[in-house]
């Protein structure tokens, strides 16, 4: 025996359930993405002051500029400012887009795309982690001769994302 309106009621419950599932999945995805973006900012140590970075300028051998207009840099992955490369430190007086697991690499060839980075990664040297996004100061180990390279690169290791690069010689 058919009860009038029962079939429509079941279809309505399915649509409501589907709409709730879709909206909750979307909210979860937005929250997850926001967390990935915000977590590095919330957990970042205090950035070195511009004065601290500038105090090392006289010890640096090379200077270059990070710019936002590289091929694979975009609104979420960029760097800008003056990067100084010395025997003991690489410093940035500028800003990086926030993100997780940033690494500094030195390369013998200028790169500005993920494809170029991945192609040349085996010939690069990883220098250090970047933990701050307004200025940074990272040490260089004694086994790295910065004169053997000509480009400094910021790379997001977790997501395989090119951030920025600058050629210094």
N, C-alpha and C. Protein backbone atom coordinates (compact mmCIF):
# COMPACT_ATOMS: atom_id res chain seq x y z
N UNK A 1 0.83 -1.17 0.00
CA UNK A 1 0.00 0.00 0.00
C UNK A 1 0.88 1.24 0.00
N UNK A 2 0.57 2.13 -0.90
CA UNK A 2 1.32 3.36 -1.02
C UNK A 2 0.72 4.44 -0.15
N UNK A 3 1.60 5.10 0.54
CA UNK A 3 1.16 6.24 1.35
C UNK A 3 1.52 7.49 0.56
N UNK A 4 0.54 8.37 0.33
CA UNK A 4 0.82 9.57 -0.46
C UNK A 4 1.92 10.41 0.20
N UNK A 5 2.87 10.88 -0.63
CA UNK A 5 3.91 11.78 -0.16
C UNK A 5 5.12 11.11 0.47
N UNK A 6 5.11 9.79 0.70
CA UNK A 6 6.24 9.12 1.34
C UNK A 6 7.45 9.10 0.41
N UNK A 7 7.22 8.82 -0.87
CA UNK A 7 8.33 8.77 -1.82
C UNK A 7 9.00 10.14 -1.92
N UNK A 8 8.21 11.19 -1.99
CA UNK A 8 8.77 12.54 -2.03
C UNK A 8 9.54 12.86 -0.75
N UNK A 9 9.05 12.40 0.38
CA UNK A 9 9.73 12.62 1.65
C UNK A 9 11.09 11.94 1.69
N UNK A 10 11.17 10.75 1.14
CA UNK A 10 12.45 10.01 1.09
C UNK A 10 13.43 10.74 0.18
N UNK A 11 12.98 11.20 -0.99
CA UNK A 11 13.84 11.94 -1.91
C UNK A 11 14.33 13.24 -1.28
N UNK A 12 13.46 13.90 -0.52
CA UNK A 12 13.83 15.14 0.13
C UNK A 12 14.90 14.88 1.19
N UNK A 13 14.78 13.78 1.93
CA UNK A 13 15.78 13.44 2.94
C UNK A 13 17.12 13.15 2.28
N UNK A 14 17.12 12.48 1.14
CA UNK A 14 18.36 12.19 0.42
C UNK A 14 19.02 13.48 -0.05
N UNK A 15 18.22 14.40 -0.59
CA UNK A 15 18.77 15.69 -1.06
C UNK A 15 19.33 16.49 0.12
N UNK A 16 18.62 16.50 1.23
CA UNK A 16 19.09 17.22 2.42
C UNK A 16 20.39 16.60 2.92
N UNK A 17 20.43 15.30 2.98
CA UNK A 17 21.64 14.61 3.41
C UNK A 17 22.81 14.91 2.47
N UNK A 18 22.56 14.89 1.17
CA UNK A 18 23.61 15.19 0.18
C UNK A 18 24.09 16.63 0.34
N UNK A 19 23.17 17.56 0.53
CA UNK A 19 23.54 18.96 0.69
C UNK A 19 24.36 19.16 1.96
N UNK A 20 23.96 18.53 3.05
CA UNK A 20 24.72 18.62 4.30
C UNK A 20 26.11 18.02 4.15
N UNK A 21 26.20 16.88 3.52
CA UNK A 21 27.48 16.23 3.30
C UNK A 21 28.40 17.12 2.45
N UNK A 22 27.86 17.68 1.38
CA UNK A 22 28.65 18.56 0.51
C UNK A 22 29.11 19.81 1.26
N UNK A 23 28.22 20.44 2.01
CA UNK A 23 28.59 21.68 2.72
C UNK A 23 29.62 21.40 3.82
N UNK A 24 29.48 20.29 4.50
CA UNK A 24 30.44 19.96 5.56
C UNK A 24 31.80 19.57 4.97
N UNK A 25 31.79 18.89 3.86
CA UNK A 25 33.05 18.55 3.18
C UNK A 25 33.76 19.82 2.72
N UNK A 26 33.00 20.75 2.16
CA UNK A 26 33.58 22.03 1.73
C UNK A 26 34.15 22.79 2.92
N UNK A 27 33.41 22.86 4.01
CA UNK A 27 33.89 23.55 5.21
C UNK A 27 35.16 22.89 5.75
N UNK A 28 35.22 21.58 5.74
CA UNK A 28 36.40 20.85 6.19
C UNK A 28 37.60 21.16 5.28
N UNK A 29 37.38 21.17 3.99
CA UNK A 29 38.46 21.47 3.04
C UNK A 29 38.99 22.89 3.23
N UNK A 30 38.08 23.85 3.40
CA UNK A 30 38.50 25.24 3.63
C UNK A 30 39.27 25.35 4.94
N UNK A 31 38.78 24.69 5.97
CA UNK A 31 39.48 24.71 7.26
C UNK A 31 40.85 24.07 7.19
N UNK A 32 40.95 22.96 6.49
CA UNK A 32 42.25 22.29 6.33
C UNK A 32 43.23 23.18 5.57
N UNK A 33 42.77 23.76 4.47
CA UNK A 33 43.62 24.66 3.68
C UNK A 33 44.05 25.88 4.49
N UNK A 34 43.11 26.44 5.24
CA UNK A 34 43.44 27.59 6.09
C UNK A 34 44.43 27.21 7.17
N UNK A 35 44.29 26.01 7.71
CA UNK A 35 45.24 25.55 8.72
C UNK A 35 46.64 25.37 8.18
N UNK A 36 46.74 24.81 6.98
CA UNK A 36 48.06 24.64 6.35
C UNK A 36 48.70 26.01 6.13
N UNK A 37 47.90 26.98 5.74
CA UNK A 37 48.42 28.33 5.51
C UNK A 37 48.77 29.02 6.83
N UNK A 38 47.92 28.90 7.84
CA UNK A 38 48.08 29.65 9.09
C UNK A 38 49.08 29.01 10.06
N UNK A 39 49.19 27.70 10.08
CA UNK A 39 50.04 27.04 11.07
C UNK A 39 51.49 27.52 11.03
N UNK A 40 52.12 27.63 9.85
CA UNK A 40 53.50 28.13 9.86
C UNK A 40 53.61 29.55 10.41
N UNK A 41 52.61 30.37 10.19
CA UNK A 41 52.63 31.73 10.72
C UNK A 41 52.52 31.70 12.24
N UNK A 42 51.62 30.87 12.75
CA UNK A 42 51.39 30.80 14.20
C UNK A 42 52.55 30.19 14.95
N UNK A 43 53.28 29.28 14.32
CA UNK A 43 54.36 28.57 15.00
C UNK A 43 55.75 29.13 14.67
N UNK A 44 55.81 30.14 13.81
CA UNK A 44 57.11 30.70 13.40
C UNK A 44 57.78 31.40 14.58
N UNK A 45 59.08 31.22 14.72
CA UNK A 45 59.80 31.97 15.76
C UNK A 45 59.85 33.45 15.37
N UNK A 46 60.29 34.29 16.28
CA UNK A 46 60.44 35.71 15.96
C UNK A 46 61.48 35.86 14.86
N UNK A 47 61.17 36.69 13.89
CA UNK A 47 62.09 36.94 12.78
C UNK A 47 63.24 37.81 13.27
N UNK A 48 64.42 37.63 12.67
CA UNK A 48 65.51 38.53 13.03
C UNK A 48 65.15 39.96 12.59
N UNK A 49 65.55 40.92 13.36
CA UNK A 49 65.25 42.31 13.03
C UNK A 49 66.04 42.73 11.79
N UNK A 50 65.55 43.76 11.14
CA UNK A 50 66.27 44.31 9.97
C UNK A 50 67.66 44.76 10.38
N UNK A 51 67.80 45.26 11.61
CA UNK A 51 69.10 45.71 12.11
C UNK A 51 70.06 44.52 12.26
N UNK A 52 69.55 43.41 12.77
CA UNK A 52 70.39 42.20 12.93
C UNK A 52 70.85 41.69 11.56
N UNK A 53 69.91 41.65 10.61
CA UNK A 53 70.25 41.22 9.25
C UNK A 53 71.26 42.19 8.64
N UNK A 54 71.03 43.48 8.79
CA UNK A 54 71.93 44.50 8.23
C UNK A 54 73.32 44.43 8.87
N UNK A 55 73.39 44.02 10.14
CA UNK A 55 74.70 43.96 10.81
C UNK A 55 75.62 42.92 10.17
N UNK A 56 75.05 41.97 9.45
CA UNK A 56 75.85 40.94 8.78
C UNK A 56 76.20 41.31 7.34
N UNK A 57 75.65 42.42 6.85
CA UNK A 57 75.86 42.81 5.45
C UNK A 57 77.33 42.93 5.08
N UNK A 58 78.15 43.46 5.96
CA UNK A 58 79.56 43.65 5.63
C UNK A 58 80.31 42.33 5.51
N UNK A 59 79.75 41.25 6.08
CA UNK A 59 80.40 39.94 6.02
C UNK A 59 79.94 39.13 4.80
N UNK A 60 79.03 39.66 4.03
CA UNK A 60 78.46 38.90 2.93
C UNK A 60 79.26 39.14 1.64
N UNK A 61 79.38 38.10 0.83
CA UNK A 61 80.14 38.18 -0.42
C UNK A 61 79.28 38.58 -1.62
N UNK A 62 78.00 38.20 -1.58
CA UNK A 62 77.14 38.41 -2.74
C UNK A 62 75.81 39.00 -2.31
N UNK A 63 75.20 39.73 -3.25
CA UNK A 63 73.88 40.32 -3.02
C UNK A 63 73.01 39.99 -4.23
N UNK A 64 71.74 39.72 -3.97
CA UNK A 64 70.77 39.46 -5.05
C UNK A 64 69.40 39.94 -4.57
N UNK A 65 68.44 39.94 -5.47
CA UNK A 65 67.08 40.38 -5.13
C UNK A 65 66.08 39.28 -5.44
N UNK A 66 65.25 38.96 -4.44
CA UNK A 66 64.07 38.13 -4.68
C UNK A 66 62.99 39.05 -5.22
N UNK A 67 62.32 38.62 -6.29
CA UNK A 67 61.21 39.40 -6.85
C UNK A 67 59.99 38.49 -7.01
N UNK A 68 58.83 39.12 -7.11
CA UNK A 68 57.57 38.37 -7.22
C UNK A 68 57.25 37.95 -8.65
N UNK A 69 58.00 38.42 -9.63
CA UNK A 69 57.61 38.23 -11.03
C UNK A 69 58.29 37.05 -11.72
N UNK A 70 58.67 36.03 -10.98
CA UNK A 70 59.25 34.84 -11.60
C UNK A 70 58.14 33.95 -12.16
N UNK A 71 58.49 33.08 -13.11
CA UNK A 71 57.50 32.26 -13.82
C UNK A 71 56.58 31.48 -12.88
N UNK A 72 57.14 30.75 -11.92
CA UNK A 72 56.31 29.91 -11.05
C UNK A 72 55.98 30.56 -9.71
N UNK A 73 56.33 31.82 -9.52
CA UNK A 73 55.87 32.53 -8.33
C UNK A 73 54.44 32.99 -8.62
N UNK A 74 53.61 33.01 -7.60
CA UNK A 74 52.22 33.44 -7.78
C UNK A 74 51.75 34.14 -6.51
N UNK A 75 50.47 34.38 -6.39
CA UNK A 75 49.93 35.12 -5.25
C UNK A 75 50.17 34.42 -3.91
N UNK A 76 50.34 33.10 -3.91
CA UNK A 76 50.57 32.36 -2.67
C UNK A 76 52.01 31.90 -2.47
N UNK A 77 52.84 32.03 -3.49
CA UNK A 77 54.22 31.51 -3.45
C UNK A 77 55.15 32.57 -4.03
N UNK A 78 55.78 33.35 -3.17
CA UNK A 78 56.61 34.45 -3.63
C UNK A 78 57.63 34.85 -2.57
N UNK A 79 58.58 35.63 -2.98
CA UNK A 79 59.55 36.24 -2.08
C UNK A 79 59.96 37.57 -2.66
N UNK A 80 60.30 38.51 -1.78
CA UNK A 80 60.79 39.81 -2.24
C UNK A 80 61.73 40.37 -1.20
N UNK A 81 62.76 41.05 -1.69
CA UNK A 81 63.72 41.68 -0.79
C UNK A 81 65.14 41.35 -1.19
N UNK A 82 66.06 41.88 -0.41
CA UNK A 82 67.49 41.71 -0.67
C UNK A 82 67.99 40.48 0.07
N UNK A 83 68.59 39.59 -0.67
CA UNK A 83 69.19 38.40 -0.09
C UNK A 83 70.71 38.56 -0.19
N UNK A 84 71.38 38.28 0.93
CA UNK A 84 72.84 38.41 1.00
C UNK A 84 73.42 37.03 1.29
N UNK A 85 74.46 36.70 0.55
CA UNK A 85 75.07 35.38 0.67
C UNK A 85 76.52 35.55 1.10
N UNK A 86 76.87 34.93 2.19
CA UNK A 86 78.25 34.99 2.69
C UNK A 86 78.77 33.60 2.95
N UNK A 87 79.92 33.53 3.56
CA UNK A 87 80.51 32.22 3.86
C UNK A 87 79.85 31.55 5.06
N UNK A 88 79.28 32.36 5.95
CA UNK A 88 78.71 31.81 7.18
C UNK A 88 77.18 31.89 7.25
N UNK A 89 76.58 32.85 6.52
CA UNK A 89 75.13 33.05 6.59
C UNK A 89 74.54 33.43 5.25
N UNK A 90 73.28 33.10 5.07
CA UNK A 90 72.45 33.69 4.02
C UNK A 90 71.37 34.46 4.76
N UNK A 91 71.18 35.71 4.39
CA UNK A 91 70.19 36.55 5.06
C UNK A 91 69.22 37.12 4.04
N UNK A 92 68.02 37.37 4.49
CA UNK A 92 67.02 38.07 3.68
C UNK A 92 66.52 39.25 4.47
N UNK A 93 66.60 40.42 3.86
CA UNK A 93 65.94 41.60 4.40
C UNK A 93 64.75 41.81 3.47
N UNK A 94 63.64 41.21 3.82
CA UNK A 94 62.45 41.24 2.97
C UNK A 94 61.40 40.30 3.50
N UNK A 95 60.58 39.76 2.59
CA UNK A 95 59.46 38.91 3.00
C UNK A 95 59.33 37.70 2.09
N UNK A 96 58.82 36.63 2.68
CA UNK A 96 58.43 35.43 1.94
C UNK A 96 56.95 35.19 2.21
N UNK A 97 56.27 34.61 1.24
CA UNK A 97 54.91 34.16 1.51
C UNK A 97 54.99 33.08 2.58
N UNK A 98 54.04 33.06 3.51
CA UNK A 98 54.10 32.03 4.54
C UNK A 98 53.77 30.65 3.99
N UNK A 99 54.39 29.65 4.56
CA UNK A 99 54.13 28.28 4.15
C UNK A 99 54.95 27.31 4.98
N UNK A 100 54.65 26.05 4.85
CA UNK A 100 55.35 25.04 5.65
C UNK A 100 56.63 24.54 4.96
N UNK A 101 57.59 24.17 5.75
CA UNK A 101 58.73 23.38 5.29
C UNK A 101 59.54 24.06 4.18
N UNK A 102 59.82 25.36 4.33
CA UNK A 102 60.65 26.07 3.35
C UNK A 102 62.11 25.71 3.57
N UNK A 103 62.81 25.51 2.47
CA UNK A 103 64.24 25.19 2.48
C UNK A 103 64.98 26.18 1.59
N UNK A 104 66.24 26.44 1.96
CA UNK A 104 67.13 27.24 1.13
C UNK A 104 68.05 26.28 0.40
N UNK A 105 68.11 26.45 -0.91
CA UNK A 105 69.02 25.66 -1.75
C UNK A 105 69.95 26.61 -2.49
N UNK A 106 71.13 26.12 -2.84
CA UNK A 106 72.04 26.82 -3.74
C UNK A 106 72.16 25.97 -5.01
N UNK A 107 72.15 26.66 -6.15
CA UNK A 107 72.22 25.97 -7.44
C UNK A 107 73.28 26.61 -8.31
N UNK A 108 73.75 25.84 -9.28
CA UNK A 108 74.75 26.34 -10.22
C UNK A 108 74.12 26.96 -11.45
N UNK A 109 72.79 26.91 -11.51
CA UNK A 109 72.05 27.44 -12.65
C UNK A 109 70.78 28.10 -12.13
N UNK A 110 70.44 29.26 -12.69
CA UNK A 110 69.24 29.96 -12.26
C UNK A 110 68.00 29.16 -12.64
N UNK A 111 67.06 29.04 -11.70
CA UNK A 111 65.79 28.36 -11.96
C UNK A 111 64.66 29.26 -11.50
N UNK A 112 63.53 29.16 -12.19
CA UNK A 112 62.35 29.91 -11.76
C UNK A 112 61.07 29.12 -11.96
N UNK A 113 61.22 27.79 -12.12
CA UNK A 113 60.04 26.93 -12.27
C UNK A 113 60.25 25.66 -11.47
N UNK A 114 59.15 25.01 -11.12
CA UNK A 114 59.22 23.72 -10.43
C UNK A 114 59.90 22.68 -11.30
N UNK A 115 59.61 22.71 -12.59
CA UNK A 115 60.20 21.73 -13.50
C UNK A 115 61.73 21.87 -13.53
N UNK A 116 62.23 23.10 -13.62
CA UNK A 116 63.68 23.32 -13.61
C UNK A 116 64.28 22.89 -12.28
N UNK A 117 63.60 23.22 -11.19
CA UNK A 117 64.10 22.83 -9.87
C UNK A 117 64.24 21.32 -9.78
N UNK A 118 63.19 20.61 -10.14
CA UNK A 118 63.21 19.14 -10.05
C UNK A 118 64.26 18.54 -10.98
N UNK A 119 64.45 19.14 -12.14
CA UNK A 119 65.45 18.65 -13.08
C UNK A 119 66.87 18.81 -12.53
N UNK A 120 67.12 19.91 -11.80
CA UNK A 120 68.47 20.22 -11.32
C UNK A 120 68.71 19.90 -9.85
N UNK A 121 67.71 19.42 -9.16
CA UNK A 121 67.82 19.23 -7.70
C UNK A 121 69.01 18.38 -7.30
N UNK A 122 69.34 17.36 -8.05
CA UNK A 122 70.45 16.48 -7.69
C UNK A 122 71.80 17.20 -7.71
N UNK A 123 71.90 18.31 -8.42
CA UNK A 123 73.16 19.07 -8.47
C UNK A 123 73.16 20.25 -7.50
N UNK A 124 72.08 20.43 -6.75
CA UNK A 124 71.97 21.53 -5.79
C UNK A 124 72.42 21.07 -4.42
N UNK A 125 72.61 22.05 -3.55
CA UNK A 125 72.90 21.75 -2.16
C UNK A 125 71.82 22.41 -1.29
N UNK A 126 71.28 21.63 -0.36
CA UNK A 126 70.31 22.18 0.59
C UNK A 126 71.09 22.80 1.73
N UNK A 127 70.81 24.07 2.00
CA UNK A 127 71.57 24.82 3.00
C UNK A 127 70.94 24.73 4.38
N UNK A 128 69.65 25.09 4.47
CA UNK A 128 69.01 25.18 5.78
C UNK A 128 67.51 25.30 5.63
N UNK A 129 66.81 25.18 6.77
CA UNK A 129 65.38 25.43 6.83
C UNK A 129 65.14 26.92 7.04
N UNK A 130 64.03 27.40 6.49
CA UNK A 130 63.58 28.78 6.74
C UNK A 130 62.37 28.69 7.65
N UNK A 131 62.45 29.33 8.79
CA UNK A 131 61.36 29.26 9.78
C UNK A 131 60.61 30.58 9.92
N UNK A 132 61.14 31.66 9.34
CA UNK A 132 60.51 32.98 9.46
C UNK A 132 60.18 33.52 8.07
N UNK A 133 59.24 34.45 8.03
CA UNK A 133 58.77 34.94 6.74
C UNK A 133 59.01 36.43 6.53
N UNK A 134 59.32 37.16 7.60
CA UNK A 134 59.78 38.54 7.51
C UNK A 134 61.24 38.51 7.91
N UNK A 135 62.12 38.59 6.94
CA UNK A 135 63.56 38.47 7.15
C UNK A 135 63.90 37.03 7.54
N UNK A 136 65.08 36.63 7.21
CA UNK A 136 65.62 35.38 7.76
C UNK A 136 67.12 35.45 7.80
N UNK A 137 67.67 34.59 8.61
CA UNK A 137 69.10 34.46 8.77
C UNK A 137 69.36 32.98 8.96
N UNK A 138 70.00 32.34 7.98
CA UNK A 138 70.25 30.90 8.08
C UNK A 138 71.76 30.65 8.00
N UNK A 139 72.25 29.75 8.82
CA UNK A 139 73.68 29.44 8.79
C UNK A 139 74.05 28.56 7.61
N UNK A 140 75.28 28.70 7.18
CA UNK A 140 75.83 27.85 6.12
C UNK A 140 76.91 26.98 6.76
N UNK A 141 76.83 25.69 6.52
CA UNK A 141 77.85 24.80 7.08
C UNK A 141 79.18 25.01 6.34
N UNK A 142 80.25 24.67 7.01
CA UNK A 142 81.61 24.92 6.48
C UNK A 142 81.91 24.11 5.21
N UNK A 143 81.17 23.03 4.97
CA UNK A 143 81.44 22.20 3.79
C UNK A 143 80.82 22.78 2.52
N UNK A 144 80.10 23.89 2.61
CA UNK A 144 79.48 24.52 1.44
C UNK A 144 80.28 25.76 1.05
N UNK A 145 80.75 25.80 -0.18
CA UNK A 145 81.43 26.97 -0.72
C UNK A 145 80.43 27.71 -1.63
N UNK A 146 79.93 28.84 -1.16
CA UNK A 146 78.91 29.57 -1.91
C UNK A 146 79.43 30.04 -3.26
N UNK A 147 80.73 30.15 -3.41
CA UNK A 147 81.32 30.54 -4.69
C UNK A 147 81.17 29.49 -5.77
N UNK A 148 80.86 28.26 -5.38
CA UNK A 148 80.64 27.19 -6.35
C UNK A 148 79.26 27.25 -6.99
N UNK A 149 78.40 28.13 -6.49
CA UNK A 149 77.01 28.23 -6.95
C UNK A 149 76.74 29.66 -7.40
N UNK A 150 75.60 29.87 -8.06
CA UNK A 150 75.27 31.23 -8.47
C UNK A 150 73.84 31.65 -8.17
N UNK A 151 73.03 30.75 -7.61
CA UNK A 151 71.61 31.04 -7.39
C UNK A 151 71.18 30.53 -6.03
N UNK A 152 70.39 31.34 -5.32
CA UNK A 152 69.78 30.93 -4.07
C UNK A 152 68.29 30.75 -4.33
N UNK A 153 67.73 29.64 -3.82
CA UNK A 153 66.35 29.27 -4.11
C UNK A 153 65.62 28.98 -2.80
N UNK A 154 64.37 29.40 -2.72
CA UNK A 154 63.50 29.01 -1.62
C UNK A 154 62.48 28.03 -2.20
N UNK A 155 62.37 26.88 -1.55
CA UNK A 155 61.55 25.76 -2.04
C UNK A 155 60.71 25.22 -0.89
N UNK A 156 59.47 24.90 -1.15
CA UNK A 156 58.60 24.26 -0.16
C UNK A 156 58.71 22.75 -0.36
N UNK A 157 59.42 22.11 0.55
CA UNK A 157 59.70 20.68 0.41
C UNK A 157 58.43 19.83 0.53
N UNK A 158 57.55 20.16 1.46
CA UNK A 158 56.36 19.34 1.70
C UNK A 158 55.44 19.25 0.48
N UNK A 159 55.29 20.35 -0.23
CA UNK A 159 54.36 20.39 -1.35
C UNK A 159 55.05 20.46 -2.70
N UNK A 160 56.39 20.40 -2.74
CA UNK A 160 57.10 20.47 -4.00
C UNK A 160 56.79 21.74 -4.76
N UNK A 161 56.81 22.86 -4.05
CA UNK A 161 56.38 24.13 -4.63
C UNK A 161 57.54 25.12 -4.70
N UNK A 162 57.77 25.67 -5.89
CA UNK A 162 58.75 26.73 -6.06
C UNK A 162 58.23 28.00 -5.40
N UNK A 163 59.07 28.66 -4.62
CA UNK A 163 58.68 29.91 -3.96
C UNK A 163 59.34 31.09 -4.68
N UNK A 164 60.68 31.13 -4.67
CA UNK A 164 61.40 32.22 -5.31
C UNK A 164 62.86 31.83 -5.51
N UNK A 165 63.57 32.64 -6.29
CA UNK A 165 65.00 32.43 -6.53
C UNK A 165 65.63 33.74 -6.91
N UNK A 166 66.95 33.81 -6.72
CA UNK A 166 67.71 34.99 -7.12
C UNK A 166 69.12 34.56 -7.54
N UNK A 167 69.59 35.11 -8.63
CA UNK A 167 70.92 34.80 -9.12
C UNK A 167 71.88 35.82 -8.52
N UNK A 168 72.94 35.36 -7.88
CA UNK A 168 73.87 36.27 -7.21
C UNK A 168 75.23 36.40 -7.88
N UNK A 169 75.53 35.58 -8.84
CA UNK A 169 76.77 35.76 -9.62
C UNK A 169 76.64 35.10 -10.98
